[in-house]
Amino acid sequence: MKMRCTTTIFVFLSLVTGIVAARRSSCSDIRVVDLSHVHGPKPLTAPFFPPYSFNIVNRSYSPMLGGNWFEINYIGTSEHSGTHIDAPSHFYRNRKRMNEIPLDKLYGPGVIIDIRRQVSKNVNYRVKVSDIKRWEATHGRIPKGAVVLFNSGWSSRHPNPNRVFNTQNTSDITSYQFSSYEFSAIFSEISFC
């Protein structure tokens, strides 16, 4: 089965995260998938994270800049707020932080594996190796260096925190329930690097 040549750029726009440009390829079929949500004064985040902060520092014509308009703002937010990428160091001691991850690891051929049906039956569904193999049986082998995402349909719950965290008590992190991945099983059988 021949795969159609497609380059997909996944856009994770948080406050300071932007688009990473893809290398030129022979593909003319490039599709951008925006996975972001609006980030502002009431970001969807766990209650124990520091609050979002936005302060206007200057919005005026500046004599120092030849009388031109100059605008600067101060923004503070938890790195785990809104749409974002978790660096390995967020969950493992002495692992890479975002600034240490090479840019070429943040883009590549895109694969979206649809698990909405499984999650609709079990909100605690764990992605399995069989989900990946089923996708490959239909679409072909996942290319080396691919960005692999799983569409759980969870974004339809945004921005309601009770629905996103799937709990009636968002103050209790131990009550949060949502789908995730069987990391050890997936990475021991399939290497994405």
N, C-alpha and C. Protein backbone atom coordinates (compact mmCIF):
# COMPACT_ATOMS: atom_id res chain seq x y z
N MET A 1 0.84 -1.17 0.00
CA MET A 1 0.00 0.00 0.00
C MET A 1 0.89 1.23 0.00
N LYS A 2 0.69 2.13 -0.92
CA LYS A 2 1.52 3.33 -1.02
C LYS A 2 0.88 4.47 -0.24
N MET A 3 1.68 5.13 0.60
CA MET A 3 1.17 6.27 1.35
C MET A 3 1.26 7.53 0.52
N ARG A 4 0.24 8.36 0.62
CA ARG A 4 0.27 9.65 -0.05
C ARG A 4 1.28 10.53 0.66
N CYS A 5 2.06 11.26 -0.09
CA CYS A 5 3.11 12.11 0.47
C CYS A 5 2.45 13.33 1.11
N THR A 6 2.46 13.39 2.43
CA THR A 6 1.84 14.50 3.13
C THR A 6 2.76 14.96 4.24
N THR A 7 2.93 16.25 4.36
CA THR A 7 3.62 16.81 5.50
C THR A 7 2.58 17.57 6.29
N THR A 8 2.47 17.27 7.56
CA THR A 8 1.52 17.96 8.42
C THR A 8 2.31 18.68 9.47
N ILE A 9 1.97 19.95 9.69
CA ILE A 9 2.60 20.72 10.74
C ILE A 9 1.55 20.88 11.83
N PHE A 10 1.83 20.36 13.02
CA PHE A 10 0.90 20.50 14.13
C PHE A 10 1.27 21.76 14.88
N VAL A 11 0.31 22.62 15.11
CA VAL A 11 0.56 23.89 15.75
C VAL A 11 0.09 23.82 17.19
N PHE A 12 1.03 23.91 18.12
CA PHE A 12 0.71 23.96 19.54
C PHE A 12 0.96 25.40 19.98
N LEU A 13 -0.05 26.25 19.90
CA LEU A 13 0.14 27.64 20.27
C LEU A 13 -0.31 27.85 21.70
N SER A 14 0.63 28.03 22.56
CA SER A 14 0.31 28.45 23.91
C SER A 14 0.60 29.93 23.91
N LEU A 15 1.24 30.44 24.92
CA LEU A 15 1.52 31.85 24.96
C LEU A 15 2.77 32.19 24.14
N VAL A 16 3.79 31.39 24.31
CA VAL A 16 5.05 31.71 23.66
C VAL A 16 5.50 30.64 22.69
N THR A 17 4.73 29.59 22.53
CA THR A 17 5.09 28.52 21.61
C THR A 17 4.53 28.84 20.25
N GLY A 18 5.29 28.66 19.21
CA GLY A 18 4.81 28.99 17.88
C GLY A 18 5.01 27.88 16.89
N ILE A 19 4.82 28.20 15.64
CA ILE A 19 4.96 27.24 14.56
C ILE A 19 6.44 26.98 14.31
N VAL A 20 6.79 25.73 14.16
CA VAL A 20 8.14 25.37 13.73
C VAL A 20 8.03 25.04 12.25
N ALA A 21 8.77 25.75 11.43
CA ALA A 21 8.66 25.56 9.98
C ALA A 21 9.22 24.21 9.57
N ALA A 22 8.50 23.57 8.70
CA ALA A 22 8.95 22.27 8.19
C ALA A 22 9.99 22.46 7.10
N ARG A 23 10.89 21.48 6.99
CA ARG A 23 11.87 21.52 5.91
C ARG A 23 11.15 21.40 4.58
N ARG A 24 11.75 21.95 3.55
CA ARG A 24 11.18 21.78 2.21
C ARG A 24 11.25 20.32 1.84
N SER A 25 10.19 19.85 1.25
CA SER A 25 10.20 18.47 0.78
C SER A 25 9.63 18.46 -0.62
N SER A 26 9.63 17.29 -1.22
CA SER A 26 9.07 17.17 -2.56
C SER A 26 7.55 17.18 -2.50
N CYS A 27 6.99 17.16 -1.30
CA CYS A 27 5.54 17.17 -1.15
C CYS A 27 4.99 18.57 -1.41
N SER A 28 3.94 18.64 -2.16
CA SER A 28 3.26 19.93 -2.34
C SER A 28 2.02 19.98 -1.48
N ASP A 29 1.70 18.86 -0.83
CA ASP A 29 0.50 18.75 -0.02
C ASP A 29 0.86 18.97 1.44
N ILE A 30 0.79 20.22 1.91
CA ILE A 30 1.10 20.54 3.30
C ILE A 30 -0.18 21.02 3.96
N ARG A 31 -0.51 20.42 5.09
CA ARG A 31 -1.72 20.77 5.82
C ARG A 31 -1.31 21.19 7.23
N VAL A 32 -1.83 22.31 7.70
CA VAL A 32 -1.54 22.79 9.04
C VAL A 32 -2.75 22.46 9.92
N VAL A 33 -2.49 21.83 11.06
CA VAL A 33 -3.55 21.47 12.00
C VAL A 33 -3.34 22.29 13.27
N ASP A 34 -4.26 23.19 13.54
CA ASP A 34 -4.16 24.06 14.72
C ASP A 34 -4.80 23.35 15.90
N LEU A 35 -4.01 23.02 16.91
CA LEU A 35 -4.50 22.31 18.08
C LEU A 35 -4.64 23.23 19.28
N SER A 36 -4.58 24.53 19.05
CA SER A 36 -4.56 25.46 20.17
C SER A 36 -5.96 25.84 20.64
N HIS A 37 -6.01 26.35 21.86
CA HIS A 37 -7.19 26.95 22.44
C HIS A 37 -6.77 28.34 22.91
N VAL A 38 -7.72 29.24 23.04
CA VAL A 38 -7.41 30.60 23.51
C VAL A 38 -6.88 30.53 24.94
N HIS A 39 -5.80 31.26 25.18
CA HIS A 39 -5.17 31.30 26.50
C HIS A 39 -5.33 32.71 27.02
N GLY A 40 -5.90 32.88 28.20
CA GLY A 40 -6.13 34.23 28.71
C GLY A 40 -6.30 34.25 30.21
N PRO A 41 -7.06 35.23 30.70
CA PRO A 41 -7.16 35.47 32.14
C PRO A 41 -7.63 34.26 32.96
N LYS A 42 -8.41 33.36 32.37
CA LYS A 42 -8.87 32.18 33.11
C LYS A 42 -8.49 30.92 32.34
N PRO A 43 -7.18 30.62 32.27
CA PRO A 43 -6.78 29.43 31.51
C PRO A 43 -7.26 28.16 32.20
N LEU A 44 -7.50 27.16 31.41
CA LEU A 44 -7.90 25.86 31.95
C LEU A 44 -6.63 25.18 32.46
N THR A 45 -6.53 25.08 33.78
CA THR A 45 -5.34 24.51 34.38
C THR A 45 -5.70 23.92 35.73
N ALA A 46 -4.85 23.10 36.28
CA ALA A 46 -5.08 22.54 37.61
C ALA A 46 -5.08 23.69 38.63
N PRO A 47 -5.91 23.60 39.65
CA PRO A 47 -6.09 24.72 40.58
C PRO A 47 -4.87 25.09 41.41
N PHE A 48 -3.88 24.20 41.53
CA PHE A 48 -2.72 24.51 42.37
C PHE A 48 -1.61 25.22 41.60
N PHE A 49 -1.79 25.46 40.28
CA PHE A 49 -0.79 26.19 39.52
C PHE A 49 -0.93 27.69 39.77
N PRO A 50 0.17 28.45 39.60
CA PRO A 50 0.08 29.90 39.80
C PRO A 50 -0.92 30.52 38.83
N PRO A 51 -1.58 31.59 39.24
CA PRO A 51 -2.58 32.21 38.36
C PRO A 51 -1.94 32.91 37.16
N TYR A 52 -2.69 33.04 36.11
CA TYR A 52 -2.29 33.77 34.91
C TYR A 52 -2.15 35.24 35.27
N SER A 53 -1.17 35.90 34.68
CA SER A 53 -0.93 37.32 34.95
C SER A 53 -0.65 38.05 33.64
N PHE A 54 -1.35 39.13 33.40
CA PHE A 54 -1.11 39.97 32.21
C PHE A 54 -1.10 41.41 32.66
N ASN A 55 0.01 42.09 32.45
CA ASN A 55 0.15 43.50 32.85
C ASN A 55 0.66 44.33 31.68
N ILE A 56 0.02 45.46 31.46
CA ILE A 56 0.47 46.40 30.44
C ILE A 56 1.64 47.19 31.04
N VAL A 57 2.80 47.11 30.41
CA VAL A 57 3.98 47.84 30.86
C VAL A 57 4.02 49.21 30.20
N ASN A 58 3.79 49.24 28.89
CA ASN A 58 3.79 50.52 28.18
C ASN A 58 2.92 50.43 26.93
N ARG A 59 2.13 51.44 26.72
CA ARG A 59 1.37 51.62 25.48
C ARG A 59 1.29 53.12 25.24
N SER A 60 2.32 53.61 24.57
CA SER A 60 2.37 55.05 24.32
C SER A 60 3.36 55.35 23.20
N TYR A 61 3.31 56.61 22.73
CA TYR A 61 4.32 57.07 21.78
C TYR A 61 5.59 57.33 22.56
N SER A 62 6.71 56.86 22.05
CA SER A 62 7.97 56.93 22.79
C SER A 62 8.93 57.91 22.15
N PRO A 63 9.33 58.94 22.91
CA PRO A 63 10.35 59.86 22.40
C PRO A 63 11.67 59.15 22.10
N MET A 64 11.99 58.11 22.87
CA MET A 64 13.24 57.38 22.67
C MET A 64 13.22 56.61 21.35
N LEU A 65 12.05 56.36 20.80
CA LEU A 65 11.92 55.62 19.55
C LEU A 65 11.42 56.55 18.44
N GLY A 66 11.87 57.79 18.50
CA GLY A 66 11.53 58.75 17.45
C GLY A 66 10.06 59.12 17.42
N GLY A 67 9.40 59.01 18.57
CA GLY A 67 7.99 59.35 18.64
C GLY A 67 7.07 58.26 18.12
N ASN A 68 7.63 57.10 17.81
CA ASN A 68 6.80 55.98 17.33
C ASN A 68 6.10 55.28 18.49
N TRP A 69 5.04 54.62 18.14
CA TRP A 69 4.28 53.86 19.14
C TRP A 69 5.11 52.70 19.66
N PHE A 70 5.07 52.47 20.96
CA PHE A 70 5.79 51.36 21.58
C PHE A 70 4.86 50.68 22.58
N GLU A 71 4.70 49.38 22.39
CA GLU A 71 3.82 48.61 23.26
C GLU A 71 4.59 47.42 23.81
N ILE A 72 4.49 47.22 25.12
CA ILE A 72 5.11 46.06 25.75
C ILE A 72 4.22 45.60 26.90
N ASN A 73 4.10 44.29 27.03
CA ASN A 73 3.27 43.70 28.07
C ASN A 73 4.09 42.67 28.83
N TYR A 74 3.69 42.41 30.08
CA TYR A 74 4.30 41.36 30.88
C TYR A 74 3.27 40.25 31.03
N ILE A 75 3.68 39.03 30.70
CA ILE A 75 2.78 37.89 30.77
C ILE A 75 3.42 36.82 31.65
N GLY A 76 2.65 36.27 32.57
CA GLY A 76 3.11 35.16 33.40
C GLY A 76 2.06 34.07 33.40
N THR A 77 2.50 32.83 33.24
CA THR A 77 1.56 31.71 33.23
C THR A 77 2.30 30.43 33.59
N SER A 78 1.58 29.47 34.09
CA SER A 78 2.17 28.16 34.37
C SER A 78 2.47 27.48 33.04
N GLU A 79 3.59 26.79 32.95
CA GLU A 79 3.95 26.12 31.71
C GLU A 79 3.02 24.96 31.39
N HIS A 80 2.24 24.50 32.36
CA HIS A 80 1.29 23.41 32.13
C HIS A 80 -0.12 23.93 31.85
N SER A 81 -0.25 25.19 31.48
CA SER A 81 -1.56 25.77 31.21
C SER A 81 -1.86 25.75 29.72
N GLY A 82 -3.11 25.57 29.40
CA GLY A 82 -3.53 25.65 28.00
C GLY A 82 -2.88 24.59 27.14
N THR A 83 -2.93 24.80 25.83
CA THR A 83 -2.32 23.88 24.88
C THR A 83 -0.81 24.02 24.98
N HIS A 84 -0.13 22.93 25.21
CA HIS A 84 1.32 23.01 25.38
C HIS A 84 1.96 21.65 25.11
N ILE A 85 3.27 21.66 25.07
CA ILE A 85 4.04 20.42 24.92
C ILE A 85 4.72 20.16 26.26
N ASP A 86 4.60 18.95 26.76
CA ASP A 86 5.30 18.59 27.99
C ASP A 86 6.69 18.10 27.66
N ALA A 87 7.68 18.76 28.23
CA ALA A 87 9.06 18.31 28.06
C ALA A 87 9.26 17.05 28.89
N PRO A 88 10.20 16.19 28.50
CA PRO A 88 10.48 14.99 29.30
C PRO A 88 10.77 15.30 30.77
N SER A 89 11.37 16.47 31.04
CA SER A 89 11.71 16.83 32.42
C SER A 89 10.48 17.09 33.29
N HIS A 90 9.33 17.29 32.67
CA HIS A 90 8.13 17.53 33.48
C HIS A 90 7.74 16.31 34.29
N PHE A 91 8.11 15.13 33.81
CA PHE A 91 7.70 13.91 34.49
C PHE A 91 8.85 12.98 34.85
N TYR A 92 10.08 13.32 34.42
CA TYR A 92 11.24 12.48 34.72
C TYR A 92 12.41 13.37 35.14
N ARG A 93 13.02 13.05 36.26
CA ARG A 93 14.14 13.84 36.77
C ARG A 93 15.33 13.75 35.82
N ASN A 94 16.04 14.86 35.66
CA ASN A 94 17.26 14.96 34.85
C ASN A 94 17.04 14.63 33.37
N ARG A 95 15.87 14.91 32.85
CA ARG A 95 15.59 14.74 31.42
C ARG A 95 15.55 16.10 30.75
N LYS A 96 15.43 16.11 29.44
CA LYS A 96 15.48 17.35 28.67
C LYS A 96 14.32 18.29 28.98
N ARG A 97 14.67 19.58 28.99
CA ARG A 97 13.66 20.64 29.07
C ARG A 97 13.36 21.08 27.65
N MET A 98 12.29 21.86 27.46
CA MET A 98 11.88 22.25 26.11
C MET A 98 13.02 22.88 25.31
N ASN A 99 13.80 23.76 25.93
CA ASN A 99 14.87 24.44 25.20
C ASN A 99 16.01 23.50 24.79
N GLU A 100 16.01 22.28 25.33
CA GLU A 100 17.06 21.31 25.01
C GLU A 100 16.63 20.30 23.94
N ILE A 101 15.37 20.34 23.56
CA ILE A 101 14.88 19.41 22.54
C ILE A 101 15.21 19.99 21.17
N PRO A 102 15.95 19.27 20.34
CA PRO A 102 16.30 19.79 19.01
C PRO A 102 15.03 20.08 18.19
N LEU A 103 15.04 21.19 17.46
CA LEU A 103 13.87 21.57 16.68
C LEU A 103 13.43 20.49 15.70
N ASP A 104 14.39 19.73 15.17
CA ASP A 104 14.00 18.72 14.19
C ASP A 104 13.23 17.56 14.82
N LYS A 105 13.13 17.54 16.15
CA LYS A 105 12.31 16.54 16.83
C LYS A 105 10.87 17.03 17.03
N LEU A 106 10.61 18.29 16.69
CA LEU A 106 9.29 18.89 16.90
C LEU A 106 8.46 19.02 15.63
N TYR A 107 8.96 18.48 14.54
CA TYR A 107 8.16 18.46 13.31
C TYR A 107 8.52 17.23 12.51
N GLY A 108 7.66 16.92 11.58
CA GLY A 108 7.91 15.76 10.74
C GLY A 108 6.63 15.32 10.07
N PRO A 109 6.67 14.18 9.41
CA PRO A 109 5.43 13.67 8.81
C PRO A 109 4.38 13.49 9.91
N GLY A 110 3.16 13.84 9.62
CA GLY A 110 2.12 13.79 10.64
C GLY A 110 1.21 12.59 10.52
N VAL A 111 0.89 12.00 11.67
CA VAL A 111 -0.03 10.88 11.73
C VAL A 111 -1.02 11.16 12.86
N ILE A 112 -2.30 11.06 12.55
CA ILE A 112 -3.33 11.20 13.58
C ILE A 112 -4.09 9.88 13.66
N ILE A 113 -4.03 9.24 14.81
CA ILE A 113 -4.72 7.98 15.02
C ILE A 113 -6.00 8.26 15.80
N ASP A 114 -7.13 7.92 15.21
CA ASP A 114 -8.43 8.22 15.78
C ASP A 114 -8.83 7.16 16.81
N ILE A 115 -8.96 7.58 18.07
CA ILE A 115 -9.39 6.67 19.14
C ILE A 115 -10.69 7.18 19.78
N ARG A 116 -11.41 8.04 19.09
CA ARG A 116 -12.64 8.61 19.66
C ARG A 116 -13.66 7.53 20.04
N ARG A 117 -13.81 6.51 19.23
CA ARG A 117 -14.79 5.45 19.52
C ARG A 117 -14.42 4.75 20.83
N GLN A 118 -13.15 4.40 21.01
CA GLN A 118 -12.71 3.72 22.22
C GLN A 118 -12.93 4.59 23.46
N VAL A 119 -12.60 5.89 23.34
CA VAL A 119 -12.72 6.81 24.48
C VAL A 119 -14.19 7.07 24.81
N SER A 120 -15.06 7.07 23.79
CA SER A 120 -16.49 7.29 24.07
C SER A 120 -17.07 6.15 24.91
N LYS A 121 -16.46 4.98 24.84
CA LYS A 121 -16.92 3.83 25.63
C LYS A 121 -16.21 3.73 26.98
N ASN A 122 -15.02 4.35 27.09
CA ASN A 122 -14.23 4.25 28.31
C ASN A 122 -13.37 5.50 28.44
N VAL A 123 -13.77 6.43 29.31
CA VAL A 123 -13.03 7.70 29.44
C VAL A 123 -11.61 7.49 29.94
N ASN A 124 -11.34 6.36 30.56
CA ASN A 124 -9.98 6.06 31.03
C ASN A 124 -9.22 5.18 30.05
N TYR A 125 -9.64 5.19 28.79
CA TYR A 125 -9.02 4.33 27.78
C TYR A 125 -7.53 4.62 27.67
N ARG A 126 -6.72 3.58 27.57
CA ARG A 126 -5.28 3.70 27.36
C ARG A 126 -4.95 3.25 25.95
N VAL A 127 -4.30 4.11 25.18
CA VAL A 127 -3.91 3.76 23.82
C VAL A 127 -3.03 2.53 23.88
N LYS A 128 -3.28 1.61 22.98
CA LYS A 128 -2.55 0.34 22.97
C LYS A 128 -1.74 0.18 21.68
N VAL A 129 -0.78 -0.70 21.72
CA VAL A 129 0.00 -1.02 20.53
C VAL A 129 -0.93 -1.46 19.41
N SER A 130 -1.99 -2.17 19.77
CA SER A 130 -2.95 -2.65 18.75
C SER A 130 -3.61 -1.49 18.00
N ASP A 131 -3.80 -0.33 18.66
CA ASP A 131 -4.35 0.85 17.98
C ASP A 131 -3.40 1.33 16.89
N ILE A 132 -2.12 1.31 17.20
CA ILE A 132 -1.10 1.74 16.25
C ILE A 132 -1.00 0.75 15.09
N LYS A 133 -0.99 -0.52 15.42
CA LYS A 133 -0.90 -1.56 14.38
C LYS A 133 -2.13 -1.54 13.47
N ARG A 134 -3.31 -1.27 14.04
CA ARG A 134 -4.53 -1.19 13.25
C ARG A 134 -4.43 -0.02 12.25
N TRP A 135 -3.91 1.12 12.72
CA TRP A 135 -3.74 2.27 11.84
C TRP A 135 -2.77 1.92 10.71
N GLU A 136 -1.66 1.28 11.05
CA GLU A 136 -0.67 0.91 10.05
C GLU A 136 -1.22 -0.10 9.05
N ALA A 137 -2.10 -0.98 9.48
CA ALA A 137 -2.68 -1.98 8.55
C ALA A 137 -3.51 -1.28 7.47
N THR A 138 -4.09 -0.15 7.82
CA THR A 138 -4.91 0.60 6.86
C THR A 138 -4.09 1.60 6.05
N HIS A 139 -3.16 2.29 6.70
CA HIS A 139 -2.46 3.43 6.07
C HIS A 139 -1.00 3.17 5.72
N GLY A 140 -0.43 2.09 6.17
CA GLY A 140 0.99 1.84 5.93
C GLY A 140 1.81 2.17 7.16
N ARG A 141 3.07 1.78 7.11
CA ARG A 141 3.99 1.96 8.25
C ARG A 141 4.13 3.44 8.60
N ILE A 142 4.15 3.74 9.89
CA ILE A 142 4.38 5.11 10.35
C ILE A 142 5.82 5.48 10.02
N PRO A 143 6.01 6.60 9.31
CA PRO A 143 7.37 6.98 8.92
C PRO A 143 8.26 7.27 10.13
N LYS A 144 9.54 6.99 9.98
CA LYS A 144 10.51 7.31 11.02
C LYS A 144 10.49 8.83 11.24
N GLY A 145 10.49 9.24 12.49
CA GLY A 145 10.49 10.66 12.82
C GLY A 145 9.12 11.31 12.75
N ALA A 146 8.08 10.51 12.60
CA ALA A 146 6.73 11.07 12.48
C ALA A 146 6.26 11.67 13.81
N VAL A 147 5.42 12.69 13.70
CA VAL A 147 4.71 13.25 14.84
C VAL A 147 3.41 12.46 14.91
N VAL A 148 3.25 11.66 15.96
CA VAL A 148 2.08 10.79 16.09
C VAL A 148 1.18 11.35 17.19
N LEU A 149 -0.04 11.67 16.82
CA LEU A 149 -1.03 12.18 17.76
C LEU A 149 -2.23 11.25 17.78
N PHE A 150 -2.92 11.24 18.91
CA PHE A 150 -4.11 10.42 19.05
C PHE A 150 -5.31 11.34 19.24
N ASN A 151 -6.32 11.22 18.39
CA ASN A 151 -7.52 12.04 18.49
C ASN A 151 -8.52 11.31 19.38
N SER A 152 -8.64 11.78 20.62
CA SER A 152 -9.54 11.16 21.58
C SER A 152 -10.91 11.83 21.58
N GLY A 153 -11.01 12.99 20.90
CA GLY A 153 -12.25 13.75 20.91
C GLY A 153 -12.41 14.58 22.18
N TRP A 154 -11.39 14.54 23.04
CA TRP A 154 -11.47 15.22 24.33
C TRP A 154 -11.61 16.73 24.19
N SER A 155 -11.13 17.31 23.10
CA SER A 155 -11.19 18.77 22.93
C SER A 155 -12.63 19.28 22.92
N SER A 156 -13.60 18.41 22.63
CA SER A 156 -15.01 18.85 22.66
C SER A 156 -15.45 19.21 24.07
N ARG A 157 -14.68 18.82 25.08
CA ARG A 157 -15.02 19.12 26.47
C ARG A 157 -14.52 20.50 26.89
N HIS A 158 -13.64 21.09 26.12
CA HIS A 158 -13.06 22.40 26.43
C HIS A 158 -14.12 23.48 26.19
N PRO A 159 -14.25 24.51 27.01
CA PRO A 159 -13.40 24.92 28.14
C PRO A 159 -13.94 24.56 29.52
N ASN A 160 -14.93 23.67 29.62
CA ASN A 160 -15.53 23.33 30.90
C ASN A 160 -14.55 22.49 31.73
N PRO A 161 -14.00 23.03 32.83
CA PRO A 161 -12.99 22.29 33.60
C PRO A 161 -13.51 20.97 34.17
N ASN A 162 -14.79 20.92 34.56
CA ASN A 162 -15.34 19.67 35.09
C ASN A 162 -15.35 18.59 34.02
N ARG A 163 -15.63 18.96 32.78
CA ARG A 163 -15.65 17.99 31.69
C ARG A 163 -14.23 17.64 31.24
N VAL A 164 -13.33 18.63 31.18
CA VAL A 164 -11.95 18.37 30.75
C VAL A 164 -11.24 17.44 31.74
N PHE A 165 -11.38 17.73 33.03
CA PHE A 165 -10.73 16.89 34.04
C PHE A 165 -11.63 15.71 34.44
N ASN A 166 -12.84 15.68 33.91
CA ASN A 166 -13.79 14.59 34.12
C ASN A 166 -14.01 14.32 35.60
N THR A 167 -14.32 15.40 36.33
CA THR A 167 -14.54 15.31 37.77
C THR A 167 -15.51 16.40 38.20
N GLN A 168 -16.15 16.18 39.31
CA GLN A 168 -17.00 17.22 39.91
C GLN A 168 -16.19 18.09 40.87
N ASN A 169 -14.97 17.66 41.21
CA ASN A 169 -14.13 18.39 42.16
C ASN A 169 -12.78 18.69 41.53
N THR A 170 -12.68 19.80 40.81
CA THR A 170 -11.43 20.14 40.12
C THR A 170 -10.31 20.49 41.09
N SER A 171 -10.62 20.69 42.37
CA SER A 171 -9.58 20.96 43.37
C SER A 171 -8.83 19.70 43.79
N ASP A 172 -9.39 18.52 43.46
CA ASP A 172 -8.78 17.26 43.86
C ASP A 172 -8.17 16.56 42.64
N ILE A 173 -6.86 16.74 42.45
CA ILE A 173 -6.18 16.17 41.27
C ILE A 173 -6.30 14.65 41.23
N THR A 174 -6.48 14.00 42.37
CA THR A 174 -6.59 12.54 42.36
C THR A 174 -7.92 12.06 41.78
N SER A 175 -8.87 12.99 41.59
CA SER A 175 -10.16 12.61 41.00
C SER A 175 -10.19 12.77 39.48
N TYR A 176 -9.12 13.33 38.90
CA TYR A 176 -9.10 13.56 37.46
C TYR A 176 -9.11 12.23 36.72
N GLN A 177 -9.89 12.16 35.63
CA GLN A 177 -9.95 10.94 34.81
C GLN A 177 -9.96 11.33 33.34
N PHE A 178 -9.06 10.77 32.57
CA PHE A 178 -9.06 10.98 31.13
C PHE A 178 -8.21 9.92 30.47
N SER A 179 -8.36 9.82 29.17
CA SER A 179 -7.60 8.81 28.42
C SER A 179 -6.13 9.18 28.39
N SER A 180 -5.29 8.17 28.20
CA SER A 180 -3.85 8.42 28.10
C SER A 180 -3.22 7.28 27.31
N TYR A 181 -1.95 7.01 27.55
CA TYR A 181 -1.20 6.06 26.75
C TYR A 181 -0.52 5.04 27.63
N GLU A 182 -0.46 3.80 27.15
CA GLU A 182 0.32 2.77 27.84
C GLU A 182 1.77 2.93 27.38
N PHE A 183 2.46 3.95 27.93
CA PHE A 183 3.79 4.30 27.46
C PHE A 183 4.75 3.12 27.42
N SER A 184 4.83 2.39 28.52
CA SER A 184 5.84 1.33 28.56
C SER A 184 5.57 0.28 27.50
N ALA A 185 4.32 -0.08 27.30
CA ALA A 185 3.99 -1.09 26.29
C ALA A 185 4.27 -0.57 24.88
N ILE A 186 3.88 0.68 24.62
CA ILE A 186 4.05 1.24 23.28
C ILE A 186 5.53 1.41 22.95
N PHE A 187 6.30 2.00 23.86
CA PHE A 187 7.69 2.30 23.53
C PHE A 187 8.59 1.08 23.59
N SER A 188 8.17 0.02 24.25
CA SER A 188 9.00 -1.19 24.23
C SER A 188 8.81 -1.94 22.91
N GLU A 189 7.63 -1.82 22.29
CA GLU A 189 7.37 -2.55 21.04
C GLU A 189 7.63 -1.71 19.80
N ILE A 190 7.39 -0.41 19.90
CA ILE A 190 7.50 0.45 18.72
C ILE A 190 8.39 1.63 19.06
N SER A 191 9.36 1.89 18.25
CA SER A 191 10.24 3.04 18.47
C SER A 191 9.88 4.15 17.51
N PHE A 192 9.57 5.32 18.05
CA PHE A 192 9.23 6.48 17.23
C PHE A 192 10.44 7.38 16.98
N CYS A 193 11.59 7.01 17.53
CA CYS A 193 12.76 7.88 17.39
C CYS A 193 13.66 7.44 16.27
